[in-house]
Amino acid sequence: MTSGRDALSTTETLTIAAIEDSVPALAEARAAVAAFQATIRKKAGDDLDGWIDRAKTGLLASFASGVTKDRAAVVAAITNVWSNGQTEGQITRLKLIKRQMYGRAKLDLLEARLLGAD
């Protein structure tokens, strides 16, 4: 659904075309996903309402409903230049290390592994 057609092999492209011919709603859902990605990449928060109306009638209705419920946050995420991506990445890294060490040690070893041993 999210891969561009140009990144697919010939076999994959033919398979996707056959599936979309059999299930037209899937082709519409793929187009809606591409439109949502374009809205995010262009940082066009004004286009969100039109996308929600379009997506509510297809397979993405549940996702569109969630976007509608938290519309202010979605618009802020699209239009705001600030991002918490770096913070989320560090949290994910910390959780990964913590899970790898499960049952092995307490905070002292975790701290040494995160900050580096002295």
PDB file of N, CA and C in Angstrom:
ATOM      1  N   MET A   1       0.817  -1.206   0.000  1.00  0.00           N
ATOM      2  CA  MET A   1       0.000   0.000   0.000  1.00  0.00           C
ATOM      3  C   MET A   1       0.858   1.266   0.000  1.00  0.00           C
ATOM      4  N   THR A   2       2.026   1.214   0.625  1.00  0.00           N
ATOM      5  CA  THR A   2       2.804   2.442   0.737  1.00  0.00           C
ATOM      6  C   THR A   2       3.994   2.500  -0.198  1.00  0.00           C
ATOM      7  N   SER A   3       4.339   1.400  -0.830  1.00  0.00           N
ATOM      8  CA  SER A   3       5.473   1.402  -1.744  1.00  0.00           C
ATOM      9  C   SER A   3       5.072   2.040  -3.073  1.00  0.00           C
ATOM     10  N   GLY A   4       5.976   2.826  -3.612  1.00  0.00           N
ATOM     11  CA  GLY A   4       5.727   3.423  -4.910  1.00  0.00           C
ATOM     12  C   GLY A   4       5.836   2.381  -6.011  1.00  0.00           C
ATOM     13  N   ARG A   5       5.102   2.573  -7.070  1.00  0.00           N
ATOM     14  CA  ARG A   5       5.120   1.609  -8.176  1.00  0.00           C
ATOM     15  C   ARG A   5       6.505   1.502  -8.804  1.00  0.00           C
ATOM     16  N   ASP A   6       7.256   2.582  -8.774  1.00  0.00           N
ATOM     17  CA  ASP A   6       8.574   2.558  -9.396  1.00  0.00           C
ATOM     18  C   ASP A   6       9.582   1.717  -8.616  1.00  0.00           C
ATOM     19  N   ALA A   7       9.284   1.418  -7.340  1.00  0.00           N
ATOM     20  CA  ALA A   7      10.194   0.623  -6.513  1.00  0.00           C
ATOM     21  C   ALA A   7       9.896  -0.874  -6.609  1.00  0.00           C
ATOM     22  N   LEU A   8       8.869  -1.253  -7.362  1.00  0.00           N
ATOM     23  CA  LEU A   8       8.466  -2.652  -7.451  1.00  0.00           C
ATOM     24  C   LEU A   8       9.046  -3.318  -8.696  1.00  0.00           C
ATOM     25  N   SER A   9       9.222  -4.625  -8.586  1.00  0.00           N
ATOM     26  CA  SER A   9       9.670  -5.384  -9.753  1.00  0.00           C
ATOM     27  C   SER A   9       8.491  -5.543 -10.722  1.00  0.00           C
ATOM     28  N   THR A  10       8.788  -6.036 -11.911  1.00  0.00           N
ATOM     29  CA  THR A  10       7.746  -6.234 -12.917  1.00  0.00           C
ATOM     30  C   THR A  10       6.718  -7.248 -12.438  1.00  0.00           C
ATOM     31  N   THR A  11       7.182  -8.315 -11.823  1.00  0.00           N
ATOM     32  CA  THR A  11       6.276  -9.341 -11.311  1.00  0.00           C
ATOM     33  C   THR A  11       5.361  -8.775 -10.229  1.00  0.00           C
ATOM     34  N   GLU A  12       5.946  -8.000  -9.318  1.00  0.00           N
ATOM     35  CA  GLU A  12       5.140  -7.397  -8.247  1.00  0.00           C
ATOM     36  C   GLU A  12       4.124  -6.413  -8.815  1.00  0.00           C
ATOM     37  N   THR A  13       4.520  -5.649  -9.796  1.00  0.00           N
ATOM     38  CA  THR A  13       3.602  -4.690 -10.418  1.00  0.00           C
ATOM     39  C   THR A  13       2.427  -5.402 -11.078  1.00  0.00           C
ATOM     40  N   LEU A  14       2.715  -6.490 -11.783  1.00  0.00           N
ATOM     41  CA  LEU A  14       1.639  -7.256 -12.427  1.00  0.00           C
ATOM     42  C   LEU A  14       0.715  -7.893 -11.393  1.00  0.00           C
ATOM     43  N   THR A  15       1.289  -8.393 -10.314  1.00  0.00           N
ATOM     44  CA  THR A  15       0.475  -8.996  -9.247  1.00  0.00           C
ATOM     45  C   THR A  15      -0.441  -7.952  -8.621  1.00  0.00           C
ATOM     46  N   ILE A  16       0.106  -6.784  -8.329  1.00  0.00           N
ATOM     47  CA  ILE A  16      -0.699  -5.715  -7.725  1.00  0.00           C
ATOM     48  C   ILE A  16      -1.793  -5.265  -8.683  1.00  0.00           C
ATOM     49  N   ALA A  17      -1.474  -5.156  -9.957  1.00  0.00           N
ATOM     50  CA  ALA A  17      -2.484  -4.756 -10.947  1.00  0.00           C
ATOM     51  C   ALA A  17      -3.613  -5.776 -11.014  1.00  0.00           C
ATOM     52  N   ALA A  18      -3.283  -7.058 -10.947  1.00  0.00           N
ATOM     53  CA  ALA A  18      -4.317  -8.107 -10.979  1.00  0.00           C
ATOM     54  C   ALA A  18      -5.189  -8.038  -9.728  1.00  0.00           C
ATOM     55  N   ILE A  19      -4.581  -7.799  -8.587  1.00  0.00           N
ATOM     56  CA  ILE A  19      -5.345  -7.704  -7.331  1.00  0.00           C
ATOM     57  C   ILE A  19      -6.260  -6.487  -7.370  1.00  0.00           C
ATOM     58  N   GLU A  20      -5.722  -5.352  -7.814  1.00  0.00           N
ATOM     59  CA  GLU A  20      -6.528  -4.132  -7.853  1.00  0.00           C
ATOM     60  C   GLU A  20      -7.661  -4.229  -8.875  1.00  0.00           C
ATOM     61  N   ASP A  21      -7.460  -4.983  -9.963  1.00  0.00           N
ATOM     62  CA  ASP A  21      -8.547  -5.197 -10.922  1.00  0.00           C
ATOM     63  C   ASP A  21      -9.664  -6.018 -10.295  1.00  0.00           C
ATOM     64  N   SER A  22      -9.289  -6.955  -9.427  1.00  0.00           N
ATOM     65  CA  SER A  22     -10.283  -7.810  -8.760  1.00  0.00           C
ATOM     66  C   SER A  22     -10.977  -7.086  -7.618  1.00  0.00           C
ATOM     67  N   VAL A  23     -10.268  -6.181  -6.960  1.00  0.00           N
ATOM     68  CA  VAL A  23     -10.810  -5.471  -5.790  1.00  0.00           C
ATOM     69  C   VAL A  23     -10.619  -3.968  -6.010  1.00  0.00           C
ATOM     70  N   PRO A  24     -11.563  -3.308  -6.671  1.00  0.00           N
ATOM     71  CA  PRO A  24     -11.407  -1.875  -6.956  1.00  0.00           C
ATOM     72  C   PRO A  24     -11.291  -1.016  -5.692  1.00  0.00           C
ATOM     73  N   ALA A  25     -11.901  -1.456  -4.593  1.00  0.00           N
ATOM     74  CA  ALA A  25     -11.812  -0.686  -3.350  1.00  0.00           C
ATOM     75  C   ALA A  25     -10.370  -0.615  -2.856  1.00  0.00           C
ATOM     76  N   LEU A  26      -9.593  -1.642  -3.148  1.00  0.00           N
ATOM     77  CA  LEU A  26      -8.191  -1.653  -2.754  1.00  0.00           C
ATOM     78  C   LEU A  26      -7.396  -0.615  -3.544  1.00  0.00           C
ATOM     79  N   ALA A  27      -7.713  -0.455  -4.819  1.00  0.00           N
ATOM     80  CA  ALA A  27      -7.049   0.564  -5.638  1.00  0.00           C
ATOM     81  C   ALA A  27      -7.367   1.960  -5.098  1.00  0.00           C
ATOM     82  N   GLU A  28      -8.612   2.176  -4.702  1.00  0.00           N
ATOM     83  CA  GLU A  28      -8.998   3.465  -4.124  1.00  0.00           C
ATOM     84  C   GLU A  28      -8.287   3.698  -2.792  1.00  0.00           C
ATOM     85  N   ALA A  29      -8.159   2.653  -1.983  1.00  0.00           N
ATOM     86  CA  ALA A  29      -7.456   2.777  -0.713  1.00  0.00           C
ATOM     87  C   ALA A  29      -5.993   3.113  -0.944  1.00  0.00           C
ATOM     88  N   ARG A  30      -5.382   2.490  -1.927  1.00  0.00           N
ATOM     89  CA  ARG A  30      -3.977   2.779  -2.240  1.00  0.00           C
ATOM     90  C   ARG A  30      -3.815   4.239  -2.665  1.00  0.00           C
ATOM     91  N   ALA A  31      -4.746   4.734  -3.477  1.00  0.00           N
ATOM     92  CA  ALA A  31      -4.700   6.134  -3.903  1.00  0.00           C
ATOM     93  C   ALA A  31      -4.892   7.072  -2.716  1.00  0.00           C
ATOM     94  N   ALA A  32      -5.759   6.704  -1.781  1.00  0.00           N
ATOM     95  CA  ALA A  32      -5.985   7.529  -0.587  1.00  0.00           C
ATOM     96  C   ALA A  32      -4.744   7.562   0.291  1.00  0.00           C
ATOM     97  N   VAL A  33      -4.059   6.427   0.430  1.00  0.00           N
ATOM     98  CA  VAL A  33      -2.822   6.381   1.207  1.00  0.00           C
ATOM     99  C   VAL A  33      -1.777   7.284   0.558  1.00  0.00           C
ATOM    100  N   ALA A  34      -1.661   7.215  -0.762  1.00  0.00           N
ATOM    101  CA  ALA A  34      -0.700   8.062  -1.476  1.00  0.00           C
ATOM    102  C   ALA A  34      -1.043   9.541  -1.296  1.00  0.00           C
ATOM    103  N   ALA A  35      -2.332   9.873  -1.309  1.00  0.00           N
ATOM    104  CA  ALA A  35      -2.745  11.266  -1.114  1.00  0.00           C
ATOM    105  C   ALA A  35      -2.418  11.742   0.294  1.00  0.00           C
ATOM    106  N   PHE A  36      -2.592  10.870   1.286  1.00  0.00           N
ATOM    107  CA  PHE A  36      -2.268  11.233   2.666  1.00  0.00           C
ATOM    108  C   PHE A  36      -0.765  11.456   2.809  1.00  0.00           C
ATOM    109  N   GLN A  37       0.025  10.582   2.212  1.00  0.00           N
ATOM    110  CA  GLN A  37       1.477  10.756   2.252  1.00  0.00           C
ATOM    111  C   GLN A  37       1.894  12.065   1.578  1.00  0.00           C
ATOM    112  N   ALA A  38       1.267  12.396   0.470  1.00  0.00           N
ATOM    113  CA  ALA A  38       1.579  13.640  -0.230  1.00  0.00           C
ATOM    114  C   ALA A  38       1.211  14.848   0.625  1.00  0.00           C
ATOM    115  N   THR A  39       0.100  14.766   1.333  1.00  0.00           N
ATOM    116  CA  THR A  39      -0.316  15.854   2.221  1.00  0.00           C
ATOM    117  C   THR A  39       0.725  16.081   3.304  1.00  0.00           C
ATOM    118  N   ILE A  40       1.238  15.001   3.850  1.00  0.00           N
ATOM    119  CA  ILE A  40       2.250  15.118   4.902  1.00  0.00           C
ATOM    120  C   ILE A  40       3.552  15.670   4.333  1.00  0.00           C
ATOM    121  N   ARG A  41       3.979  15.152   3.203  1.00  0.00           N
ATOM    122  CA  ARG A  41       5.248  15.595   2.611  1.00  0.00           C
ATOM    123  C   ARG A  41       5.211  17.063   2.192  1.00  0.00           C
ATOM    124  N   LYS A  42       4.049  17.520   1.696  1.00  0.00           N
ATOM    125  CA  LYS A  42       3.906  18.914   1.269  1.00  0.00           C
ATOM    126  C   LYS A  42       3.607  19.835   2.445  1.00  0.00           C
ATOM    127  N   LYS A  43       3.351  19.229   3.615  1.00  0.00           N
ATOM    128  CA  LYS A  43       2.955  19.986   4.813  1.00  0.00           C
ATOM    129  C   LYS A  43       1.729  20.847   4.528  1.00  0.00           C
ATOM    130  N   ALA A  44       0.758  20.243   3.836  1.00  0.00           N
ATOM    131  CA  ALA A  44      -0.464  20.932   3.427  1.00  0.00           C
ATOM    132  C   ALA A  44      -1.608  20.544   4.366  1.00  0.00           C
ATOM    133  N   GLY A  45      -1.638  21.147   5.532  1.00  0.00           N
ATOM    134  CA  GLY A  45      -2.684  20.864   6.511  1.00  0.00           C
ATOM    135  C   GLY A  45      -4.069  21.225   6.027  1.00  0.00           C
ATOM    136  N   ASP A  46      -4.160  22.160   5.074  1.00  0.00           N
ATOM    137  CA  ASP A  46      -5.461  22.574   4.538  1.00  0.00           C
ATOM    138  C   ASP A  46      -6.118  21.461   3.722  1.00  0.00           C
ATOM    139  N   ASP A  47      -5.315  20.554   3.182  1.00  0.00           N
ATOM    140  CA  ASP A  47      -5.844  19.472   2.349  1.00  0.00           C
ATOM    141  C   ASP A  47      -6.422  18.322   3.178  1.00  0.00           C
ATOM    142  N   LEU A  48      -6.257  18.381   4.483  1.00  0.00           N
ATOM    143  CA  LEU A  48      -6.657  17.266   5.340  1.00  0.00           C
ATOM    144  C   LEU A  48      -8.169  17.021   5.319  1.00  0.00           C
ATOM    145  N   ASP A  49      -8.959  18.073   5.349  1.00  0.00           N
ATOM    146  CA  ASP A  49     -10.417  17.891   5.371  1.00  0.00           C
ATOM    147  C   ASP A  49     -10.914  17.182   4.109  1.00  0.00           C
ATOM    148  N   GLY A  50     -10.383  17.560   2.964  1.00  0.00           N
ATOM    149  CA  GLY A  50     -10.762  16.895   1.718  1.00  0.00           C
ATOM    150  C   GLY A  50     -10.353  15.431   1.721  1.00  0.00           C
ATOM    151  N   TRP A  51      -9.169  15.157   2.268  1.00  0.00           N
ATOM    152  CA  TRP A  51      -8.713  13.772   2.338  1.00  0.00           C
ATOM    153  C   TRP A  51      -9.604  12.955   3.270  1.00  0.00           C
ATOM    154  N   ILE A  52      -9.992  13.525   4.390  1.00  0.00           N
ATOM    155  CA  ILE A  52     -10.857  12.805   5.345  1.00  0.00           C
ATOM    156  C   ILE A  52     -12.186  12.457   4.690  1.00  0.00           C
ATOM    157  N   ASP A  53     -12.781  13.412   3.983  1.00  0.00           N
ATOM    158  CA  ASP A  53     -14.054  13.147   3.293  1.00  0.00           C
ATOM    159  C   ASP A  53     -13.907  12.024   2.275  1.00  0.00           C
ATOM    160  N   ARG A  54     -12.792  12.031   1.557  1.00  0.00           N
ATOM    161  CA  ARG A  54     -12.547  10.993   0.551  1.00  0.00           C
ATOM    162  C   ARG A  54     -12.327   9.634   1.210  1.00  0.00           C
ATOM    163  N   ALA A  55     -11.565   9.611   2.295  1.00  0.00           N
ATOM    164  CA  ALA A  55     -11.195   8.340   2.933  1.00  0.00           C
ATOM    165  C   ALA A  55     -12.351   7.723   3.726  1.00  0.00           C
ATOM    166  N   LYS A  56     -13.292   8.520   4.176  1.00  0.00           N
ATOM    167  CA  LYS A  56     -14.409   7.999   4.972  1.00  0.00           C
ATOM    168  C   LYS A  56     -15.298   7.032   4.206  1.00  0.00           C
ATOM    169  N   THR A  57     -15.248   7.092   2.893  1.00  0.00           N
ATOM    170  CA  THR A  57     -16.130   6.248   2.089  1.00  0.00           C
ATOM    171  C   THR A  57     -15.485   4.937   1.666  1.00  0.00           C
ATOM    172  N   GLY A  58     -14.221   4.732   2.005  1.00  0.00           N
ATOM    173  CA  GLY A  58     -13.531   3.531   1.539  1.00  0.00           C
ATOM    174  C   GLY A  58     -13.028   2.658   2.671  1.00  0.00           C
ATOM    175  N   LEU A  59     -12.004   1.896   2.342  1.00  0.00           N
ATOM    176  CA  LEU A  59     -11.424   0.954   3.300  1.00  0.00           C
ATOM    177  C   LEU A  59     -10.682   1.641   4.439  1.00  0.00           C
ATOM    178  N   LEU A  60     -10.362   2.901   4.278  1.00  0.00           N
ATOM    179  CA  LEU A  60      -9.636   3.640   5.313  1.00  0.00           C
ATOM    180  C   LEU A  60     -10.565   4.418   6.243  1.00  0.00           C
ATOM    181  N   ALA A  61     -11.817   4.043   6.289  1.00  0.00           N
ATOM    182  CA  ALA A  61     -12.798   4.779   7.095  1.00  0.00           C
ATOM    183  C   ALA A  61     -12.426   4.810   8.563  1.00  0.00           C
ATOM    184  N   SER A  62     -11.946   3.712   9.090  1.00  0.00           N
ATOM    185  CA  SER A  62     -11.562   3.662  10.501  1.00  0.00           C
ATOM    186  C   SER A  62     -10.387   4.595  10.780  1.00  0.00           C
ATOM    187  N   PHE A  63      -9.387   4.582   9.901  1.00  0.00           N
ATOM    188  CA  PHE A  63      -8.242   5.478  10.050  1.00  0.00           C
ATOM    189  C   PHE A  63      -8.681   6.933   9.937  1.00  0.00           C
ATOM    190  N   ALA A  64      -9.553   7.229   8.973  1.00  0.00           N
ATOM    191  CA  ALA A  64     -10.051   8.597   8.789  1.00  0.00           C
ATOM    192  C   ALA A  64     -10.833   9.062  10.007  1.00  0.00           C
ATOM    193  N   SER A  65     -11.556   8.139  10.622  1.00  0.00           N
ATOM    194  CA  SER A  65     -12.296   8.478  11.836  1.00  0.00           C
ATOM    195  C   SER A  65     -11.339   8.843  12.967  1.00  0.00           C
ATOM    196  N   GLY A  66     -10.254   8.096  13.095  1.00  0.00           N
ATOM    197  CA  GLY A  66      -9.252   8.405  14.105  1.00  0.00           C
ATOM    198  C   GLY A  66      -8.577   9.740  13.859  1.00  0.00           C
ATOM    199  N   VAL A  67      -8.307  10.046  12.593  1.00  0.00           N
ATOM    200  CA  VAL A  67      -7.707  11.334  12.245  1.00  0.00           C
ATOM    201  C   VAL A  67      -8.682  12.458  12.570  1.00  0.00           C
ATOM    202  N   THR A  68      -9.971  12.225  12.320  1.00  0.00           N
ATOM    203  CA  THR A  68     -10.985  13.240  12.623  1.00  0.00           C
ATOM    204  C   THR A  68     -11.062  13.508  14.120  1.00  0.00           C
ATOM    205  N   LYS A  69     -11.003  12.453  14.917  1.00  0.00           N
ATOM    206  CA  LYS A  69     -11.094  12.610  16.375  1.00  0.00           C
ATOM    207  C   LYS A  69      -9.934  13.428  16.930  1.00  0.00           C
ATOM    208  N   ASP A  70      -8.761  13.275  16.330  1.00  0.00           N
ATOM    209  CA  ASP A  70      -7.583  13.981  16.825  1.00  0.00           C
ATOM    210  C   ASP A  70      -7.050  14.933  15.756  1.00  0.00           C
ATOM    211  N   ARG A  71      -7.979  15.613  15.085  1.00  0.00           N
ATOM    212  CA  ARG A  71      -7.641  16.457  13.955  1.00  0.00           C
ATOM    213  C   ARG A  71      -6.640  17.549  14.313  1.00  0.00           C
ATOM    214  N   ALA A  72      -6.805  18.192  15.444  1.00  0.00           N
ATOM    215  CA  ALA A  72      -5.910  19.286  15.828  1.00  0.00           C
ATOM    216  C   ALA A  72      -4.462  18.797  15.945  1.00  0.00           C
ATOM    217  N   ALA A  73      -4.273  17.643  16.533  1.00  0.00           N
ATOM    218  CA  ALA A  73      -2.918  17.097  16.668  1.00  0.00           C
ATOM    219  C   ALA A  73      -2.336  16.711  15.314  1.00  0.00           C
ATOM    220  N   VAL A  74      -3.170  16.164  14.430  1.00  0.00           N
ATOM    221  CA  VAL A  74      -2.691  15.765  13.106  1.00  0.00           C
ATOM    222  C   VAL A  74      -2.299  17.000  12.297  1.00  0.00           C
ATOM    223  N   VAL A  75      -3.115  18.034  12.335  1.00  0.00           N
ATOM    224  CA  VAL A  75      -2.787  19.267  11.612  1.00  0.00           C
ATOM    225  C   VAL A  75      -1.507  19.877  12.172  1.00  0.00           C
ATOM    226  N   ALA A  76      -1.358  19.862  13.489  1.00  0.00           N
ATOM    227  CA  ALA A  76      -0.139  20.394  14.101  1.00  0.00           C
ATOM    228  C   ALA A  76       1.080  19.575  13.683  1.00  0.00           C
ATOM    229  N   ALA A  77       0.931  18.267  13.615  1.00  0.00           N
ATOM    230  CA  ALA A  77       2.048  17.411  13.205  1.00  0.00           C
ATOM    231  C   ALA A  77       2.431  17.654  11.752  1.00  0.00           C
ATOM    232  N   ILE A  78       1.443  17.949  10.920  1.00  0.00           N
ATOM    233  CA  ILE A  78       1.720  18.187   9.498  1.00  0.00           C
ATOM    234  C   ILE A  78       2.345  19.555   9.278  1.00  0.00           C
ATOM    235  N   THR A  79       1.839  20.572   9.944  1.00  0.00           N
ATOM    236  CA  THR A  79       2.250  21.943   9.646  1.00  0.00           C
ATOM    237  C   THR A  79       3.382  22.461  10.521  1.00  0.00           C
ATOM    238  N   ASN A  80       3.573  21.910  11.695  1.00  0.00           N
ATOM    239  CA  ASN A  80       4.581  22.415  12.617  1.00  0.00           C
ATOM    240  C   ASN A  80       5.972  21.974  12.186  1.00  0.00           C
ATOM    241  N   VAL A  81       6.929  22.861  12.318  1.00  0.00           N
ATOM    242  CA  VAL A  81       8.304  22.519  11.950  1.00  0.00           C
ATOM    243  C   VAL A  81       8.997  21.699  13.034  1.00  0.00           C
ATOM    244  N   TRP A  82       8.463  21.727  14.236  1.00  0.00           N
ATOM    245  CA  TRP A  82       9.065  20.984  15.337  1.00  0.00           C
ATOM    246  C   TRP A  82       8.685  19.518  15.253  1.00  0.00           C
ATOM    247  N   SER A  83       9.594  18.655  15.683  1.00  0.00           N
ATOM    248  CA  SER A  83       9.348  17.218  15.659  1.00  0.00           C
ATOM    249  C   SER A  83       9.950  16.596  16.909  1.00  0.00           C
ATOM    250  N   ASN A  84       9.306  15.558  17.409  1.00  0.00           N
ATOM    251  CA  ASN A  84       9.870  14.849  18.549  1.00  0.00           C
ATOM    252  C   ASN A  84      10.486  13.523  18.106  1.00  0.00           C
ATOM    253  N   GLY A  85      10.855  13.435  16.832  1.00  0.00           N
ATOM    254  CA  GLY A  85      11.425  12.221  16.282  1.00  0.00           C
ATOM    255  C   GLY A  85      12.705  11.795  16.983  1.00  0.00           C
ATOM    256  N   GLN A  86      13.583  12.749  17.279  1.00  0.00           N
ATOM    257  CA  GLN A  86      14.838  12.426  17.961  1.00  0.00           C
ATOM    258  C   GLN A  86      14.562  11.861  19.352  1.00  0.00           C
ATOM    259  N   THR A  87      13.617  12.455  20.056  1.00  0.00           N
ATOM    260  CA  THR A  87      13.266  11.963  21.386  1.00  0.00           C
ATOM    261  C   THR A  87      12.692  10.561  21.316  1.00  0.00           C
ATOM    262  N   GLU A  88      11.782  10.333  20.380  1.00  0.00           N
ATOM    263  CA  GLU A  88      11.182   9.009  20.226  1.00  0.00           C
ATOM    264  C   GLU A  88      12.232   7.965  19.863  1.00  0.00           C
ATOM    265  N   GLY A  89      13.195   8.349  19.045  1.00  0.00           N
ATOM    266  CA  GLY A  89      14.263   7.430  18.686  1.00  0.00           C
ATOM    267  C   GLY A  89      15.101   7.021  19.886  1.00  0.00           C
ATOM    268  N   GLN A  90      15.393   7.971  20.760  1.00  0.00           N
ATOM    269  CA  GLN A  90      16.178   7.654  21.963  1.00  0.00           C
ATOM    270  C   GLN A  90      15.377   6.774  22.921  1.00  0.00           C
ATOM    271  N   ILE A  91      14.090   7.026  23.026  1.00  0.00           N
ATOM    272  CA  ILE A  91      13.241   6.195  23.890  1.00  0.00           C
ATOM    273  C   ILE A  91      13.184   4.769  23.358  1.00  0.00           C
ATOM    274  N   THR A  92      13.053   4.619  22.036  1.00  0.00           N
ATOM    275  CA  THR A  92      13.036   3.288  21.429  1.00  0.00           C
ATOM    276  C   THR A  92      14.348   2.563  21.680  1.00  0.00           C
ATOM    277  N   ARG A  93      15.461   3.280  21.555  1.00  0.00           N
ATOM    278  CA  ARG A  93      16.781   2.694  21.820  1.00  0.00           C
ATOM    279  C   ARG A  93      16.893   2.235  23.266  1.00  0.00           C
ATOM    280  N   LEU A  94      16.457   3.067  24.199  1.00  0.00           N
ATOM    281  CA  LEU A  94      16.497   2.719  25.617  1.00  0.00           C
ATOM    282  C   LEU A  94      15.664   1.472  25.902  1.00  0.00           C
ATOM    283  N   LYS A  95      14.466   1.405  25.327  1.00  0.00           N
ATOM    284  CA  LYS A  95      13.600   0.243  25.546  1.00  0.00           C
ATOM    285  C   LYS A  95      14.203  -1.023  24.962  1.00  0.00           C
ATOM    286  N   LEU A  96      14.857  -0.907  23.808  1.00  0.00           N
ATOM    287  CA  LEU A  96      15.505  -2.066  23.195  1.00  0.00           C
ATOM    288  C   LEU A  96      16.610  -2.609  24.102  1.00  0.00           C
ATOM    289  N   ILE A  97      17.447  -1.714  24.586  1.00  0.00           N
ATOM    290  CA  ILE A  97      18.532  -2.151  25.480  1.00  0.00           C
ATOM    291  C   ILE A  97      17.964  -2.749  26.748  1.00  0.00           C
ATOM    292  N   LYS A  98      16.934  -2.145  27.289  1.00  0.00           N
ATOM    293  CA  LYS A  98      16.306  -2.653  28.514  1.00  0.00           C
ATOM    294  C   LYS A  98      15.750  -4.056  28.302  1.00  0.00           C
ATOM    295  N   ARG A  99      15.102  -4.286  27.171  1.00  0.00           N
ATOM    296  CA  ARG A  99      14.552  -5.617  26.886  1.00  0.00           C
ATOM    297  C   ARG A  99      15.654  -6.647  26.665  1.00  0.00           C
ATOM    298  N   GLN A 100      16.746  -6.243  26.047  1.00  0.00           N
ATOM    299  CA  GLN A 100      17.857  -7.163  25.830  1.00  0.00           C
ATOM    300  C   GLN A 100      18.478  -7.593  27.148  1.00  0.00           C
ATOM    301  N   MET A 101      18.397  -6.731  28.152  1.00  0.00           N
ATOM    302  CA  MET A 101      19.025  -7.004  29.444  1.00  0.00           C
ATOM    303  C   MET A 101      18.048  -7.592  30.458  1.00  0.00           C
ATOM    304  N   TYR A 102      16.847  -7.911  30.043  1.00  0.00           N
ATOM    305  CA  TYR A 102      15.824  -8.352  30.984  1.00  0.00           C
ATOM    306  C   TYR A 102      16.330  -9.458  31.904  1.00  0.00           C
ATOM    307  N   GLY A 103      16.227  -9.224  33.204  1.00  0.00           N
ATOM    308  CA  GLY A 103      16.586 -10.217  34.204  1.00  0.00           C
ATOM    309  C   GLY A 103      18.076 -10.320  34.485  1.00  0.00           C
ATOM    310  N   ARG A 104      18.897  -9.516  33.864  1.00  0.00           N
ATOM    311  CA  ARG A 104      20.342  -9.660  34.023  1.00  0.00           C
ATOM    312  C   ARG A 104      20.923  -8.745  35.082  1.00  0.00           C
ATOM    313  N   ALA A 105      20.419  -7.550  35.189  1.00  0.00           N
ATOM    314  CA  ALA A 105      21.044  -6.618  36.122  1.00  0.00           C
ATOM    315  C   ALA A 105      20.067  -5.503  36.483  1.00  0.00           C
ATOM    316  N   LYS A 106      20.530  -4.670  37.338  1.00  0.00           N
ATOM    317  CA  LYS A 106      19.721  -3.536  37.785  1.00  0.00           C
ATOM    318  C   LYS A 106      20.141  -2.272  37.054  1.00  0.00           C
ATOM    319  N   LEU A 107      19.813  -1.147  37.629  1.00  0.00           N
ATOM    320  CA  LEU A 107      20.046   0.133  36.977  1.00  0.00           C
ATOM    321  C   LEU A 107      21.520   0.438  36.732  1.00  0.00           C
ATOM    322  N   ASP A 108      22.427  -0.075  37.574  1.00  0.00           N
ATOM    323  CA  ASP A 108      23.838   0.255  37.401  1.00  0.00           C
ATOM    324  C   ASP A 108      24.389  -0.266  36.074  1.00  0.00           C
ATOM    325  N   LEU A 109      24.028  -1.484  35.685  1.00  0.00           N
ATOM    326  CA  LEU A 109      24.501  -2.024  34.410  1.00  0.00           C
ATOM    327  C   LEU A 109      23.791  -1.338  33.229  1.00  0.00           C
ATOM    328  N   LEU A 110      22.520  -1.032  33.401  1.00  0.00           N
ATOM    329  CA  LEU A 110      21.785  -0.306  32.364  1.00  0.00           C
ATOM    330  C   LEU A 110      22.426   1.056  32.128  1.00  0.00           C
ATOM    331  N   GLU A 111      22.748   1.743  33.191  1.00  0.00           N
ATOM    332  CA  GLU A 111      23.391   3.046  33.071  1.00  0.00           C
ATOM    333  C   GLU A 111      24.751   2.925  32.384  1.00  0.00           C
ATOM    334  N   ALA A 112      25.513   1.905  32.751  1.00  0.00           N
ATOM    335  CA  ALA A 112      26.821   1.716  32.135  1.00  0.00           C
ATOM    336  C   ALA A 112      26.676   1.418  30.645  1.00  0.00           C
ATOM    337  N   ARG A 113      25.685   0.676  30.294  1.00  0.00           N
ATOM    338  CA  ARG A 113      25.491   0.327  28.887  1.00  0.00           C
ATOM    339  C   ARG A 113      24.994   1.513  28.063  1.00  0.00           C
ATOM    340  N   LEU A 114      24.174   2.369  28.664  1.00  0.00           N
ATOM    341  CA  LEU A 114      23.652   3.516  27.947  1.00  0.00           C
ATOM    342  C   LEU A 114      24.671   4.647  27.839  1.00  0.00           C
ATOM    343  N   LEU A 115      25.390   4.909  28.910  1.00  0.00           N
ATOM    344  CA  LEU A 115      26.301   6.042  28.940  1.00  0.00           C
ATOM    345  C   LEU A 115      27.734   5.653  28.602  1.00  0.00           C
ATOM    346  N   GLY A 116      28.006   4.365  28.599  1.00  0.00           N
ATOM    347  CA  GLY A 116      29.363   3.896  28.341  1.00  0.00           C
ATOM    348  C   GLY A 116      30.101   3.663  29.646  1.00  0.00           C
ATOM    349  N   ALA A 117      30.827   2.618  29.695  1.00  0.00           N
ATOM    350  CA  ALA A 117      31.574   2.292  30.922  1.00  0.00           C
ATOM    351  C   ALA A 117      32.736   3.248  31.100  1.00  0.00           C
ATOM    352  N   ASP A 118      32.982   3.613  32.343  1.00  0.00           N
ATOM    353  CA  ASP A 118      34.100   4.528  32.647  1.00  0.00           C
ATOM    354  C   ASP A 118      35.412   3.791  32.696  1.00  0.00           C
TER     355      ASP A 118
END
